[in-house]
């Protein structure tokens, strides 16, 4: 990502059924800290769009890596990490400003990488989960199938 240029990311609130929420007023707490010797917290702004989406805007003023921790306040009043948090991002001097846009080259590259890794994951685990043509009396075969089913279950999101 580019330094001295604002960067924006989005949070999509979901209900307990994992459906996108259509209203605002959720409480999110976002903490962005540099992950280097000069540890510092970067200020950010969380904007409630009143439609279940929240926009977070911040700027890195120097080359660094950051950890982005996103938490929400649940119904019991506890702050809970959102799925995948904390996230990481790197800011490099040579990076053009357009890299910080939500549809910039970094997003396109990330989407391509994610799609490729999912294809590989589905291919590998799909073959491992398939039981036809396997000797189900062999303990090693059963353990391999079990391991692949667990991989799929753990990555079901």
Protein backbone atom coordinates (compact mmCIF):
# COMPACT_ATOMS: atom_id res chain seq x y z
CA UNK A 1 0.00 0.00 0.00
CA UNK A 2 1.08 3.60 -0.55
CA UNK A 3 2.24 5.84 2.27
CA UNK A 4 0.75 9.31 2.91
CA UNK A 5 -2.41 8.32 1.07
CA UNK A 6 -5.68 7.47 2.82
CA UNK A 7 -6.72 3.85 2.64
CA UNK A 8 -10.24 2.59 3.21
CA UNK A 9 -11.58 -0.83 4.06
CA UNK A 10 -15.07 -2.02 4.86
CA UNK A 11 -16.70 -4.02 7.62
CA UNK A 12 -19.94 -5.86 6.84
CA UNK A 13 -22.01 -6.53 9.97
CA UNK A 14 -23.86 -9.83 10.12
CA UNK A 15 -26.52 -11.24 12.42
CA UNK A 16 -26.34 -14.54 14.32
CA UNK A 17 -27.57 -16.37 11.19
CA UNK A 18 -24.61 -14.94 9.21
CA UNK A 19 -26.94 -12.78 7.14
CA UNK A 20 -25.80 -9.27 6.21
CA UNK A 21 -27.36 -6.68 8.48
CA UNK A 22 -29.30 -3.88 6.81
CA UNK A 23 -29.05 -1.29 9.60
CA UNK A 24 -26.29 0.44 11.54
CA UNK A 25 -25.53 1.34 15.16
CA UNK A 26 -23.27 -1.66 15.80
CA UNK A 27 -20.22 -0.93 17.92
CA UNK A 28 -16.90 -1.72 16.27
CA UNK A 29 -13.49 -0.95 17.73
CA UNK A 30 -10.60 -0.74 15.28
CA UNK A 31 -6.98 -0.58 16.39
CA UNK A 32 -4.19 -0.11 13.83
CA UNK A 33 -0.64 -0.46 15.16
CA UNK A 34 2.68 -0.47 13.38
CA UNK A 35 4.52 -3.76 13.64
CA UNK A 36 8.10 -2.49 13.88
CA UNK A 37 10.58 -1.05 16.38
CA UNK A 38 8.80 2.34 16.49
CA UNK A 39 5.48 0.84 17.63
CA UNK A 40 2.75 3.42 17.26
CA UNK A 41 -1.03 3.42 16.90
CA UNK A 42 -2.38 5.01 13.73
CA UNK A 43 -5.57 7.02 14.10
CA UNK A 44 -8.54 5.83 12.09
CA UNK A 45 -12.13 6.83 11.49
CA UNK A 46 -14.99 4.31 11.55
CA UNK A 47 -18.01 5.55 9.59
CA UNK A 48 -21.42 3.92 10.10
CA UNK A 49 -23.21 3.85 6.72
CA UNK A 50 -26.51 2.89 8.42
CA UNK A 51 -26.90 -0.12 6.12
CA UNK A 52 -24.84 -2.74 7.94
CA UNK A 53 -21.60 -1.54 6.38
CA UNK A 54 -18.89 0.42 8.13
CA UNK A 55 -16.07 2.24 6.40
CA UNK A 56 -12.66 2.51 8.10
CA UNK A 57 -10.21 5.14 6.85
CA UNK A 58 -6.61 5.65 7.94
CA UNK A 59 -3.25 6.83 6.59
CA UNK A 60 0.24 5.43 7.16
CA UNK A 61 2.77 8.26 7.12
CA UNK A 62 5.85 6.10 6.73
CA UNK A 63 6.93 2.76 5.31
CA UNK A 64 5.85 0.07 7.76
CA UNK A 65 3.78 -3.02 8.35
CA UNK A 66 0.63 -2.73 10.44
CA UNK A 67 -1.63 -5.05 12.38
CA UNK A 68 -5.31 -4.16 12.14
CA UNK A 69 -7.45 -5.47 14.97
CA UNK A 70 -11.22 -5.28 14.42
CA UNK A 71 -13.56 -6.08 17.30
CA UNK A 72 -17.30 -5.70 17.80
CA UNK A 73 -19.36 -5.49 20.96
CA UNK A 74 -21.59 -8.56 21.20
CA UNK A 75 -25.01 -8.85 22.87
CA UNK A 76 -23.35 -9.65 26.22
CA UNK A 77 -21.30 -6.45 26.04
CA UNK A 78 -17.96 -8.13 25.30
CA UNK A 79 -15.55 -6.98 22.60
CA UNK A 80 -14.99 -9.94 20.26
CA UNK A 81 -12.58 -10.21 17.32
CA UNK A 82 -14.28 -10.34 13.93
CA UNK A 83 -13.42 -13.42 11.86
CA UNK A 84 -9.82 -13.21 10.62
CA UNK A 85 -8.75 -10.36 12.91
CA UNK A 86 -6.02 -9.23 13.32
CA UNK A 87 -5.19 -8.45 9.71
CA UNK A 88 -1.89 -7.22 8.31
CA UNK A 89 -0.94 -4.68 5.66
CA UNK A 90 2.37 -3.28 4.40
CA UNK A 91 3.09 0.27 3.30
CA UNK A 92 5.99 0.89 0.92
CA UNK A 93 7.36 4.19 -0.39
CA UNK A 94 7.47 3.12 -4.05
CA UNK A 95 3.81 2.07 -4.14
CA UNK A 96 1.56 4.29 -6.30
CA UNK A 97 -1.43 5.99 -4.63
CA UNK A 98 -3.93 4.05 -6.76
CA UNK A 99 -2.93 0.88 -4.90
CA UNK A 100 -4.89 2.19 -1.90
CA UNK A 101 -8.22 2.28 -3.72
CA UNK A 102 -10.70 -0.50 -2.99
CA UNK A 103 -10.67 -1.61 -6.62
CA UNK A 104 -6.96 -1.00 -7.19
CA UNK A 105 -4.34 -3.48 -8.39
CA UNK A 106 -3.70 -4.85 -4.89
CA UNK A 107 -7.34 -5.91 -4.54
CA UNK A 108 -7.34 -7.51 -7.98
CA UNK A 109 -4.10 -9.36 -7.23
CA UNK A 110 -5.44 -10.53 -3.87
CA UNK A 111 -8.71 -11.76 -5.42
CA UNK A 112 -6.78 -13.71 -8.07
CA UNK A 113 -4.51 -15.26 -5.42
CA UNK A 114 -7.51 -16.18 -3.24
CA UNK A 115 -9.34 -17.79 -6.17
CA UNK A 116 -6.25 -19.82 -7.12
CA UNK A 117 -5.71 -20.99 -3.54
CA UNK A 118 -9.37 -22.02 -3.25
CA UNK A 119 -9.17 -24.06 -6.46
CA UNK A 120 -6.08 -25.83 -5.13
CA UNK A 121 -7.71 -26.38 -1.71
CA UNK A 122 -10.92 -27.82 -3.22
CA UNK A 123 -8.97 -30.09 -5.55
CA UNK A 124 -6.70 -31.44 -2.81
CA UNK A 125 -9.31 -31.90 -0.10
CA UNK A 126 -12.05 -33.09 -2.46
CA UNK A 127 -9.87 -35.95 -3.60
CA UNK A 128 -8.88 -36.71 -0.01
CA UNK A 129 -12.50 -36.78 1.22
CA UNK A 130 -13.74 -39.10 -1.54
CA UNK A 131 -14.21 -42.64 -0.18
CA UNK A 132 -15.17 -44.50 -3.34
CA UNK A 133 -12.42 -46.81 -4.58
CA UNK A 134 -10.67 -46.70 -1.20
CA UNK A 135 -10.04 -49.56 1.19
CA UNK A 136 -12.11 -48.47 4.19
CA UNK A 137 -10.72 -51.29 6.30
CA UNK A 138 -7.27 -49.65 6.20
CA UNK A 139 -6.77 -47.37 9.22
CA UNK A 140 -4.38 -45.06 7.34
CA UNK A 141 -6.97 -44.49 4.61
CA UNK A 142 -9.63 -43.66 7.20
CA UNK A 143 -7.28 -41.25 8.98
CA UNK A 144 -6.47 -39.51 5.67
CA UNK A 145 -10.18 -39.10 4.92
CA UNK A 146 -10.80 -37.83 8.47
CA UNK A 147 -7.94 -35.29 8.16
CA UNK A 148 -9.30 -33.96 4.86
CA UNK A 149 -12.83 -33.69 6.22
CA UNK A 150 -11.44 -31.72 9.18
CA UNK A 151 -9.55 -29.38 6.81
CA UNK A 152 -12.77 -28.68 4.91
CA UNK A 153 -14.75 -28.21 8.12
CA UNK A 154 -12.17 -25.80 9.57
CA UNK A 155 -12.12 -23.72 6.39
CA UNK A 156 -15.87 -23.81 5.73
CA UNK A 157 -16.11 -20.00 5.74
